[in-house]
Amino acid sequence: VTPKGQPGNPKPRCFRLVEDDAILNRMGFNNVGAIQVAKNLQSARAFRNRGGILGVNIGKNKVTPNDLAIDDYMKCMDRLYMSGDYIAINISSPNTPNLRDLQAEEELNKLLAAIAAKRKELKAANKDHYVPIAVKLAPDLSDDGIKKALDVIVKNGMDGVICTNTTISREAILGHPLEKEPGGLSGRPLMERSTEVTRLASEHLRGTLPIIASGGVMSASDAVEKMEAGASIVQLYTGFIFEGPELVADCVQAIAQWRANHQTSCPVSEPSSPSPAP
């Protein structure tokens, strides 16, 4: 979601690489804007009341320069704070010009400090309702860049990290007819690096924050591999396209069995136990 609605990038902008179990997309944050999304999400209350977890992923408009990006995130926070169970800060999509520059240590610190202050303000204005915030990172950052970003995320009191967004690397699909198409690559080619980042984050954070693992989960065993790498939660995107909704049940069962075998728990909320979603 961005503050103002925008059409996204010109079509075609989403491609299946069937033989690679992959998707290449350059959607470009196409959405109806924060005000309309907030209205639309009012109908999600029944889903949330049944235990569904709804994350709201926010970013800046394409036309907004990076030096004004904080304003866009503030507007989204104002309009969507009560619309979901957590907020994802997207600074890692490859399809909005210069967006990934916000992952640099200094820029990220400025942004997250502003987001932390805004949440404090919104919490006070909404009967002390606390909404967890996770930051979504790119797999293409260097290992050192990942660690620096994680330190900034912890420093500013964020509640989780999402590992990872799509990749701009084409190493896994060299020679494919779509290799030179711009956009983010997801699916099986992303699995190895996104899992590496999850493991790196887990080792660096040492339990400080929960990790939402995303990238290349195409089977139940992939989901378990993410958990073994240190994830607390697993998200599916491209796997839906190739495997269908049955993949969700398969992953749930496999993770439940893995947890039972390892007697692990899944930290997903603020240590002070925020109030449940209305």
C-alpha atoms as a PDB file:
ATOM      1  CA  VAL A   1       0.000   0.000   0.000  1.00  0.00           C
ATOM      2  CA  THR A   2       1.195   3.524  -0.830  1.00  0.00           C
ATOM      3  CA  PRO A   3      -0.346   6.828   0.350  1.00  0.00           C
ATOM      4  CA  LYS A   4      -1.839   7.614  -3.039  1.00  0.00           C
ATOM      5  CA  GLY A   5      -3.245   5.067  -5.438  1.00  0.00           C
ATOM      6  CA  GLN A   6      -1.033   4.309  -8.423  1.00  0.00           C
ATOM      7  CA  PRO A   7      -1.332   2.045 -11.483  1.00  0.00           C
ATOM      8  CA  GLY A   8       2.059   0.351 -11.135  1.00  0.00           C
ATOM      9  CA  ASN A   9       4.403  -0.370 -13.992  1.00  0.00           C
ATOM     10  CA  PRO A  10       3.281  -0.864 -17.609  1.00  0.00           C
ATOM     11  CA  LYS A  11       2.064  -4.320 -18.621  1.00  0.00           C
ATOM     12  CA  PRO A  12       3.235  -6.987 -19.208  1.00  0.00           C
ATOM     13  CA  ARG A  13       4.793  -6.940 -15.775  1.00  0.00           C
ATOM     14  CA  CYS A  14       4.456 -10.471 -14.397  1.00  0.00           C
ATOM     15  CA  PHE A  15       5.911 -13.614 -15.987  1.00  0.00           C
ATOM     16  CA  ARG A  16       5.863 -17.308 -15.127  1.00  0.00           C
ATOM     17  CA  LEU A  17       9.057 -19.293 -15.542  1.00  0.00           C
ATOM     18  CA  VAL A  18       7.315 -22.628 -15.368  1.00  0.00           C
ATOM     19  CA  GLU A  19      10.361 -24.848 -15.784  1.00  0.00           C
ATOM     20  CA  ASP A  20      12.089 -22.985 -12.946  1.00  0.00           C
ATOM     21  CA  ASP A  21       9.123 -22.825 -10.538  1.00  0.00           C
ATOM     22  CA  ALA A  22       9.628 -19.079 -10.560  1.00  0.00           C
ATOM     23  CA  ILE A  23       7.857 -15.765 -11.060  1.00  0.00           C
ATOM     24  CA  LEU A  24       9.448 -12.602 -12.384  1.00  0.00           C
ATOM     25  CA  ASN A  25       7.442  -9.488 -11.543  1.00  0.00           C
ATOM     26  CA  ARG A  26       7.763  -5.743 -11.778  1.00  0.00           C
ATOM     27  CA  MET A  27       4.286  -4.841 -10.570  1.00  0.00           C
ATOM     28  CA  GLY A  28       5.453  -1.545  -9.068  1.00  0.00           C
ATOM     29  CA  PHE A  29       3.220  -1.230  -5.979  1.00  0.00           C
ATOM     30  CA  ASN A  30      -0.036  -1.061  -7.953  1.00  0.00           C
ATOM     31  CA  ASN A  31      -2.766  -0.293  -5.406  1.00  0.00           C
ATOM     32  CA  VAL A  32      -5.786   1.910  -4.712  1.00  0.00           C
ATOM     33  CA  GLY A  33      -4.085   4.002  -2.024  1.00  0.00           C
ATOM     34  CA  ALA A  34      -4.077   3.945   1.775  1.00  0.00           C
ATOM     35  CA  ILE A  35      -7.479   5.557   2.373  1.00  0.00           C
ATOM     36  CA  GLN A  36      -9.356   3.120   0.142  1.00  0.00           C
ATOM     37  CA  VAL A  37      -7.359   0.136   1.393  1.00  0.00           C
ATOM     38  CA  ALA A  38      -8.301   1.030   4.978  1.00  0.00           C
ATOM     39  CA  LYS A  39     -11.964   1.045   3.934  1.00  0.00           C
ATOM     40  CA  ASN A  40     -11.588  -2.256   2.089  1.00  0.00           C
ATOM     41  CA  LEU A  41      -9.926  -3.919   5.080  1.00  0.00           C
ATOM     42  CA  GLN A  42     -12.889  -3.204   7.329  1.00  0.00           C
ATOM     43  CA  SER A  43     -14.392  -6.353   5.848  1.00  0.00           C
ATOM     44  CA  ALA A  44     -11.406  -8.379   7.116  1.00  0.00           C
ATOM     45  CA  ARG A  45     -12.534  -8.209  10.741  1.00  0.00           C
ATOM     46  CA  ALA A  46     -14.282 -11.592  10.577  1.00  0.00           C
ATOM     47  CA  PHE A  47     -11.104 -13.201   9.234  1.00  0.00           C
ATOM     48  CA  ARG A  48      -9.029 -11.629  12.012  1.00  0.00           C
ATOM     49  CA  ASN A  49     -11.558 -12.549  14.699  1.00  0.00           C
ATOM     50  CA  ARG A  50     -11.239 -16.195  13.595  1.00  0.00           C
ATOM     51  CA  GLY A  51      -7.505 -16.031  14.263  1.00  0.00           C
ATOM     52  CA  GLY A  52      -6.290 -14.953  10.834  1.00  0.00           C
ATOM     53  CA  ILE A  53      -3.179 -12.771  10.841  1.00  0.00           C
ATOM     54  CA  LEU A  54      -3.346  -9.777   8.518  1.00  0.00           C
ATOM     55  CA  GLY A  55      -0.189  -7.879   7.659  1.00  0.00           C
ATOM     56  CA  VAL A  56      -0.294  -4.498   5.919  1.00  0.00           C
ATOM     57  CA  ASN A  57       2.740  -3.905   3.709  1.00  0.00           C
ATOM     58  CA  ILE A  58       3.494  -0.190   3.237  1.00  0.00           C
ATOM     59  CA  GLY A  59       5.833   1.684   0.897  1.00  0.00           C
ATOM     60  CA  LYS A  60       6.390   4.987  -0.816  1.00  0.00           C
ATOM     61  CA  ASN A  61       4.807   6.228  -4.033  1.00  0.00           C
ATOM     62  CA  LYS A  62       6.916   5.892  -7.163  1.00  0.00           C
ATOM     63  CA  VAL A  63       6.983   9.665  -7.726  1.00  0.00           C
ATOM     64  CA  THR A  64       8.092  10.432  -4.165  1.00  0.00           C
ATOM     65  CA  PRO A  65      11.841  11.147  -3.968  1.00  0.00           C
ATOM     66  CA  ASN A  66      13.775   9.366  -1.240  1.00  0.00           C
ATOM     67  CA  ASP A  67      14.332  12.560   0.719  1.00  0.00           C
ATOM     68  CA  LEU A  68      10.554  12.741   1.191  1.00  0.00           C
ATOM     69  CA  ALA A  69       9.978   9.005   1.628  1.00  0.00           C
ATOM     70  CA  ILE A  70       9.465   9.295   5.392  1.00  0.00           C
ATOM     71  CA  ASP A  71       6.375  11.426   4.768  1.00  0.00           C
ATOM     72  CA  ASP A  72       4.839   8.633   2.679  1.00  0.00           C
ATOM     73  CA  TYR A  73       5.417   6.035   5.386  1.00  0.00           C
ATOM     74  CA  MET A  74       3.944   8.395   7.994  1.00  0.00           C
ATOM     75  CA  LYS A  75       0.797   8.862   5.904  1.00  0.00           C
ATOM     76  CA  CYS A  76       0.398   5.107   5.542  1.00  0.00           C
ATOM     77  CA  MET A  77       0.872   4.641   9.286  1.00  0.00           C
ATOM     78  CA  ASP A  78      -1.764   7.291  10.026  1.00  0.00           C
ATOM     79  CA  ARG A  79      -4.331   5.709   7.722  1.00  0.00           C
ATOM     80  CA  LEU A  80      -3.646   2.011   8.274  1.00  0.00           C
ATOM     81  CA  TYR A  81      -2.457   1.621  11.858  1.00  0.00           C
ATOM     82  CA  MET A  82      -5.657  -0.067  13.016  1.00  0.00           C
ATOM     83  CA  SER A  83      -6.275  -1.991   9.789  1.00  0.00           C
ATOM     84  CA  GLY A  84      -4.104  -5.049  10.413  1.00  0.00           C
ATOM     85  CA  ASP A  85      -2.360  -7.195  12.994  1.00  0.00           C
ATOM     86  CA  TYR A  86       1.104  -6.058  11.986  1.00  0.00           C
ATOM     87  CA  ILE A  87       2.698  -3.597   9.597  1.00  0.00           C
ATOM     88  CA  ALA A  88       5.479  -4.529   7.179  1.00  0.00           C
ATOM     89  CA  ILE A  89       7.874  -1.768   6.170  1.00  0.00           C
ATOM     90  CA  ASN A  90       8.802  -2.420   2.553  1.00  0.00           C
ATOM     91  CA  ILE A  91      12.142  -0.853   1.665  1.00  0.00           C
ATOM     92  CA  SER A  92      13.325  -3.728  -0.477  1.00  0.00           C
ATOM     93  CA  SER A  93      11.172  -4.016  -3.590  1.00  0.00           C
ATOM     94  CA  PRO A  94      13.288  -3.740  -6.751  1.00  0.00           C
ATOM     95  CA  ASN A  95      10.351  -2.289  -8.689  1.00  0.00           C
ATOM     96  CA  THR A  96      10.192   1.219  -7.212  1.00  0.00           C
ATOM     97  CA  PRO A  97      13.142   3.388  -8.294  1.00  0.00           C
ATOM     98  CA  ASN A  98      15.719   3.973  -5.533  1.00  0.00           C
ATOM     99  CA  LEU A  99      13.562   2.318  -2.867  1.00  0.00           C
ATOM    100  CA  ARG A 100      16.291  -0.122  -1.888  1.00  0.00           C
ATOM    101  CA  ASP A 101      18.599   2.790  -1.077  1.00  0.00           C
ATOM    102  CA  LEU A 102      16.531   3.206   2.093  1.00  0.00           C
ATOM    103  CA  GLN A 103      18.176   0.031   3.438  1.00  0.00           C
ATOM    104  CA  ALA A 104      21.504   1.871   3.837  1.00  0.00           C
ATOM    105  CA  GLU A 105      22.410   2.261   7.503  1.00  0.00           C
ATOM    106  CA  GLU A 106      21.930   6.036   7.837  1.00  0.00           C
ATOM    107  CA  GLU A 107      18.768   6.227   5.740  1.00  0.00           C
ATOM    108  CA  LEU A 108      17.254   3.225   7.470  1.00  0.00           C
ATOM    109  CA  ASN A 109      17.947   4.690  10.898  1.00  0.00           C
ATOM    110  CA  LYS A 110      16.183   7.943   9.983  1.00  0.00           C
ATOM    111  CA  LEU A 111      13.174   6.092   8.614  1.00  0.00           C
ATOM    112  CA  LEU A 112      12.768   3.642  11.474  1.00  0.00           C
ATOM    113  CA  ALA A 113      13.253   6.317  14.121  1.00  0.00           C
ATOM    114  CA  ALA A 114      10.397   8.262  12.527  1.00  0.00           C
ATOM    115  CA  ILE A 115       8.250   5.126  12.305  1.00  0.00           C
ATOM    116  CA  ALA A 116       8.907   4.299  15.966  1.00  0.00           C
ATOM    117  CA  ALA A 117       7.902   7.810  17.014  1.00  0.00           C
ATOM    118  CA  LYS A 118       4.764   7.665  14.868  1.00  0.00           C
ATOM    119  CA  ARG A 119       3.759   4.328  16.380  1.00  0.00           C
ATOM    120  CA  LYS A 120       4.165   5.737  19.882  1.00  0.00           C
ATOM    121  CA  GLU A 121       1.849   8.593  18.906  1.00  0.00           C
ATOM    122  CA  LEU A 122      -0.708   6.276  17.289  1.00  0.00           C
ATOM    123  CA  LYS A 123      -0.621   3.830  20.181  1.00  0.00           C
ATOM    124  CA  ALA A 124      -1.504   6.621  22.606  1.00  0.00           C
ATOM    125  CA  ALA A 125      -4.293   7.827  20.313  1.00  0.00           C
ATOM    126  CA  ASN A 126      -5.832   4.341  20.008  1.00  0.00           C
ATOM    127  CA  LYS A 127      -6.368   3.252  23.612  1.00  0.00           C
ATOM    128  CA  ASP A 128      -2.814   1.950  23.966  1.00  0.00           C
ATOM    129  CA  HIS A 129      -3.260  -0.487  21.061  1.00  0.00           C
ATOM    130  CA  TYR A 130       0.165  -1.782  20.032  1.00  0.00           C
ATOM    131  CA  VAL A 131       0.741  -2.871  16.427  1.00  0.00           C
ATOM    132  CA  PRO A 132       3.942  -4.854  15.794  1.00  0.00           C
ATOM    133  CA  ILE A 133       6.160  -3.666  12.937  1.00  0.00           C
ATOM    134  CA  ALA A 134       8.421  -5.865  10.794  1.00  0.00           C
ATOM    135  CA  VAL A 135      10.989  -4.659   8.260  1.00  0.00           C
ATOM    136  CA  LYS A 136      11.329  -6.454   4.932  1.00  0.00           C
ATOM    137  CA  LEU A 137      14.884  -6.796   3.608  1.00  0.00           C
ATOM    138  CA  ALA A 138      16.290  -7.604   0.176  1.00  0.00           C
ATOM    139  CA  PRO A 139      18.268 -10.810  -0.420  1.00  0.00           C
ATOM    140  CA  ASP A 140      20.743  -8.874  -2.555  1.00  0.00           C
ATOM    141  CA  LEU A 141      22.299  -6.965   0.339  1.00  0.00           C
ATOM    142  CA  SER A 142      25.757  -8.155   1.323  1.00  0.00           C
ATOM    143  CA  ASP A 143      26.018 -10.199   4.515  1.00  0.00           C
ATOM    144  CA  ASP A 144      27.580  -7.172   6.204  1.00  0.00           C
ATOM    145  CA  GLY A 145      24.754  -4.985   4.910  1.00  0.00           C
ATOM    146  CA  ILE A 146      22.205  -7.422   6.351  1.00  0.00           C
ATOM    147  CA  LYS A 147      23.885  -7.303   9.764  1.00  0.00           C
ATOM    148  CA  LYS A 148      24.025  -3.499   9.792  1.00  0.00           C
ATOM    149  CA  ALA A 149      20.348  -3.304   8.817  1.00  0.00           C
ATOM    150  CA  LEU A 150      19.442  -5.760  11.570  1.00  0.00           C
ATOM    151  CA  ASP A 151      21.291  -3.658  14.136  1.00  0.00           C
ATOM    152  CA  VAL A 152      19.335  -0.578  13.070  1.00  0.00           C
ATOM    153  CA  ILE A 153      16.059  -2.531  13.189  1.00  0.00           C
ATOM    154  CA  VAL A 154      16.776  -3.647  16.774  1.00  0.00           C
ATOM    155  CA  LYS A 155      18.015  -0.200  17.822  1.00  0.00           C
ATOM    156  CA  ASN A 156      14.728   1.409  16.764  1.00  0.00           C
ATOM    157  CA  GLY A 157      12.502  -1.069  18.561  1.00  0.00           C
ATOM    158  CA  MET A 158      11.018  -2.881  15.599  1.00  0.00           C
ATOM    159  CA  ASP A 159       9.314  -6.197  16.301  1.00  0.00           C
ATOM    160  CA  GLY A 160      10.517  -8.456  13.517  1.00  0.00           C
ATOM    161  CA  VAL A 161      12.343  -8.848  10.241  1.00  0.00           C
ATOM    162  CA  ILE A 162      11.115 -10.390   6.991  1.00  0.00           C
ATOM    163  CA  CYS A 163      13.728 -12.407   5.079  1.00  0.00           C
ATOM    164  CA  THR A 164      13.361 -11.721   2.181  1.00  0.00           C
ATOM    165  CA  ASN A 165      11.889  -9.802  -0.728  1.00  0.00           C
ATOM    166  CA  THR A 166      12.462 -10.861  -4.347  1.00  0.00           C
ATOM    167  CA  THR A 167      15.914 -10.872  -5.931  1.00  0.00           C
ATOM    168  CA  ILE A 168      17.381  -8.980  -8.874  1.00  0.00           C
ATOM    169  CA  SER A 169      19.978 -11.723  -9.337  1.00  0.00           C
ATOM    170  CA  ARG A 170      19.629 -13.808 -12.497  1.00  0.00           C
ATOM    171  CA  GLU A 171      22.326 -16.341 -11.662  1.00  0.00           C
ATOM    172  CA  ALA A 172      19.787 -19.138 -11.236  1.00  0.00           C
ATOM    173  CA  ILE A 173      18.096 -18.527 -14.604  1.00  0.00           C
ATOM    174  CA  LEU A 174      21.060 -17.700 -16.854  1.00  0.00           C
ATOM    175  CA  GLY A 175      20.184 -18.431 -20.474  1.00  0.00           C
ATOM    176  CA  HIS A 176      16.433 -18.222 -19.908  1.00  0.00           C
ATOM    177  CA  PRO A 177      14.558 -16.151 -22.552  1.00  0.00           C
ATOM    178  CA  LEU A 178      13.264 -13.879 -19.764  1.00  0.00           C
ATOM    179  CA  GLU A 179      16.660 -13.458 -18.110  1.00  0.00           C
ATOM    180  CA  LYS A 180      17.003  -9.800 -19.123  1.00  0.00           C
ATOM    181  CA  GLU A 181      13.484  -8.763 -18.124  1.00  0.00           C
ATOM    182  CA  PRO A 182      13.680  -6.257 -15.238  1.00  0.00           C
ATOM    183  CA  GLY A 183      11.935  -7.032 -11.984  1.00  0.00           C
ATOM    184  CA  GLY A 184      12.147  -9.228  -8.920  1.00  0.00           C
ATOM    185  CA  LEU A 185      12.607 -12.985  -9.182  1.00  0.00           C
ATOM    186  CA  SER A 186      10.789 -15.251  -6.724  1.00  0.00           C
ATOM    187  CA  GLY A 187      10.111 -18.937  -6.300  1.00  0.00           C
ATOM    188  CA  ARG A 188      12.583 -21.806  -6.270  1.00  0.00           C
ATOM    189  CA  PRO A 189      15.570 -19.741  -7.521  1.00  0.00           C
ATOM    190  CA  LEU A 190      15.198 -17.528  -4.429  1.00  0.00           C
ATOM    191  CA  MET A 191      15.103 -20.356  -1.889  1.00  0.00           C
ATOM    192  CA  GLU A 192      18.833 -20.762  -1.287  1.00  0.00           C
ATOM    193  CA  ARG A 193      19.730 -17.093  -0.761  1.00  0.00           C
ATOM    194  CA  SER A 194      16.622 -16.202   1.233  1.00  0.00           C
ATOM    195  CA  THR A 195      17.315 -19.137   3.538  1.00  0.00           C
ATOM    196  CA  GLU A 196      20.948 -18.022   3.882  1.00  0.00           C
ATOM    197  CA  VAL A 197      19.716 -14.574   4.942  1.00  0.00           C
ATOM    198  CA  THR A 198      17.291 -16.145   7.413  1.00  0.00           C
ATOM    199  CA  ARG A 199      20.107 -18.181   8.941  1.00  0.00           C
ATOM    200  CA  LEU A 200      22.422 -15.162   9.024  1.00  0.00           C
ATOM    201  CA  ALA A 201      19.728 -13.063  10.683  1.00  0.00           C
ATOM    202  CA  SER A 202      19.004 -15.768  13.242  1.00  0.00           C
ATOM    203  CA  GLU A 203      22.670 -16.109  14.162  1.00  0.00           C
ATOM    204  CA  HIS A 204      23.117 -12.348  14.376  1.00  0.00           C
ATOM    205  CA  LEU A 205      19.936 -11.587  16.313  1.00  0.00           C
ATOM    206  CA  ARG A 206      20.294 -14.530  18.738  1.00  0.00           C
ATOM    207  CA  GLY A 207      16.593 -14.548  19.522  1.00  0.00           C
ATOM    208  CA  THR A 208      16.230 -10.774  19.864  1.00  0.00           C
ATOM    209  CA  LEU A 209      13.502 -10.629  17.197  1.00  0.00           C
ATOM    210  CA  PRO A 210      11.285 -13.138  15.417  1.00  0.00           C
ATOM    211  CA  ILE A 211      12.048 -13.769  11.753  1.00  0.00           C
ATOM    212  CA  ILE A 212       9.390 -14.115   9.072  1.00  0.00           C
ATOM    213  CA  ALA A 213      10.919 -16.282   6.350  1.00  0.00           C
ATOM    214  CA  SER A 214       9.749 -15.736   2.797  1.00  0.00           C
ATOM    215  CA  GLY A 215      11.275 -16.788  -0.485  1.00  0.00           C
ATOM    216  CA  GLY A 216      11.179 -20.009  -2.471  1.00  0.00           C
ATOM    217  CA  VAL A 217       8.869 -22.078  -0.282  1.00  0.00           C
ATOM    218  CA  MET A 218       7.490 -24.553  -2.815  1.00  0.00           C
ATOM    219  CA  SER A 219       7.006 -27.590  -0.557  1.00  0.00           C
ATOM    220  CA  ALA A 220       6.495 -28.630   3.036  1.00  0.00           C
ATOM    221  CA  SER A 221      10.161 -29.565   3.311  1.00  0.00           C
ATOM    222  CA  ASP A 222      11.100 -26.040   2.171  1.00  0.00           C
ATOM    223  CA  ALA A 223       8.991 -24.606   4.993  1.00  0.00           C
ATOM    224  CA  VAL A 224      10.727 -26.842   7.529  1.00  0.00           C
ATOM    225  CA  GLU A 225      14.104 -25.779   6.130  1.00  0.00           C
ATOM    226  CA  LYS A 226      13.169 -22.161   6.841  1.00  0.00           C
ATOM    227  CA  MET A 227      12.291 -23.082  10.424  1.00  0.00           C
ATOM    228  CA  GLU A 228      15.580 -24.935  10.812  1.00  0.00           C
ATOM    229  CA  ALA A 229      17.361 -21.805   9.589  1.00  0.00           C
ATOM    230  CA  GLY A 230      15.825 -19.823  12.456  1.00  0.00           C
ATOM    231  CA  ALA A 231      12.435 -18.624  11.246  1.00  0.00           C
ATOM    232  CA  SER A 232       9.482 -18.103  13.579  1.00  0.00           C
ATOM    233  CA  ILE A 233       6.915 -17.779  10.795  1.00  0.00           C
ATOM    234  CA  VAL A 234       6.884 -18.822   7.132  1.00  0.00           C
ATOM    235  CA  GLN A 235       5.140 -16.920   4.342  1.00  0.00           C
ATOM    236  CA  LEU A 236       4.086 -18.276   0.950  1.00  0.00           C
ATOM    237  CA  TYR A 237       3.704 -16.327  -2.283  1.00  0.00           C
ATOM    238  CA  THR A 238       4.933 -17.961  -5.491  1.00  0.00           C
ATOM    239  CA  GLY A 239       4.269 -21.416  -4.083  1.00  0.00           C
ATOM    240  CA  PHE A 240       0.534 -20.679  -4.403  1.00  0.00           C
ATOM    241  CA  ILE A 241       0.913 -20.312  -8.172  1.00  0.00           C
ATOM    242  CA  PHE A 242       2.576 -23.647  -8.767  1.00  0.00           C
ATOM    243  CA  GLU A 243       1.241 -25.811  -5.933  1.00  0.00           C
ATOM    244  CA  GLY A 244      -2.139 -24.323  -5.026  1.00  0.00           C
ATOM    245  CA  PRO A 245      -3.683 -23.815  -1.566  1.00  0.00           C
ATOM    246  CA  GLU A 246      -2.983 -27.417  -0.536  1.00  0.00           C
ATOM    247  CA  LEU A 247       0.599 -26.246  -0.001  1.00  0.00           C
ATOM    248  CA  VAL A 248      -0.565 -24.248   3.024  1.00  0.00           C
ATOM    249  CA  ALA A 249      -1.978 -27.329   4.780  1.00  0.00           C
ATOM    250  CA  ASP A 250       1.118 -29.338   3.894  1.00  0.00           C
ATOM    251  CA  CYS A 251       3.409 -26.661   5.351  1.00  0.00           C
ATOM    252  CA  VAL A 252       1.296 -26.238   8.486  1.00  0.00           C
ATOM    253  CA  GLN A 253       1.375 -29.961   9.188  1.00  0.00           C
ATOM    254  CA  ALA A 254       5.096 -30.252   8.483  1.00  0.00           C
ATOM    255  CA  ILE A 255       5.985 -27.294  10.701  1.00  0.00           C
ATOM    256  CA  ALA A 256       3.717 -28.553  13.494  1.00  0.00           C
ATOM    257  CA  GLN A 257       5.458 -31.921  13.361  1.00  0.00           C
ATOM    258  CA  TRP A 258       8.876 -30.238  13.281  1.00  0.00           C
ATOM    259  CA  ARG A 259       7.976 -28.123  16.312  1.00  0.00           C
ATOM    260  CA  ALA A 260       6.692 -31.139  18.181  1.00  0.00           C
ATOM    261  CA  ASN A 261       9.927 -32.966  17.473  1.00  0.00           C
ATOM    262  CA  HIS A 262      12.057 -30.031  18.555  1.00  0.00           C
ATOM    263  CA  GLN A 263       9.769 -28.728  21.326  1.00  0.00           C
ATOM    264  CA  THR A 264      10.137 -25.193  19.998  1.00  0.00           C
ATOM    265  CA  SER A 265       7.895 -22.161  20.414  1.00  0.00           C
ATOM    266  CA  CYS A 266       7.097 -19.288  18.074  1.00  0.00           C
ATOM    267  CA  PRO A 267       7.523 -15.736  19.471  1.00  0.00           C
ATOM    268  CA  VAL A 268       5.249 -13.473  17.476  1.00  0.00           C
ATOM    269  CA  SER A 269       4.234 -10.641  19.763  1.00  0.00           C
ATOM    270  CA  GLU A 270       5.683  -7.821  21.785  1.00  0.00           C
ATOM    271  CA  PRO A 271       7.259  -9.073  25.020  1.00  0.00           C
ATOM    272  CA  SER A 272       4.742  -7.013  27.031  1.00  0.00           C
ATOM    273  CA  SER A 273       1.855  -8.878  25.364  1.00  0.00           C
ATOM    274  CA  PRO A 274      -0.002  -6.324  23.229  1.00  0.00           C
ATOM    275  CA  SER A 275      -3.764  -6.349  23.350  1.00  0.00           C
ATOM    276  CA  PRO A 276      -5.443  -8.574  20.743  1.00  0.00           C
ATOM    277  CA  ALA A 277      -6.757  -7.113  17.531  1.00  0.00           C
ATOM    278  CA  PRO A 278     -10.326  -5.803  17.835  1.00  0.00           C
END
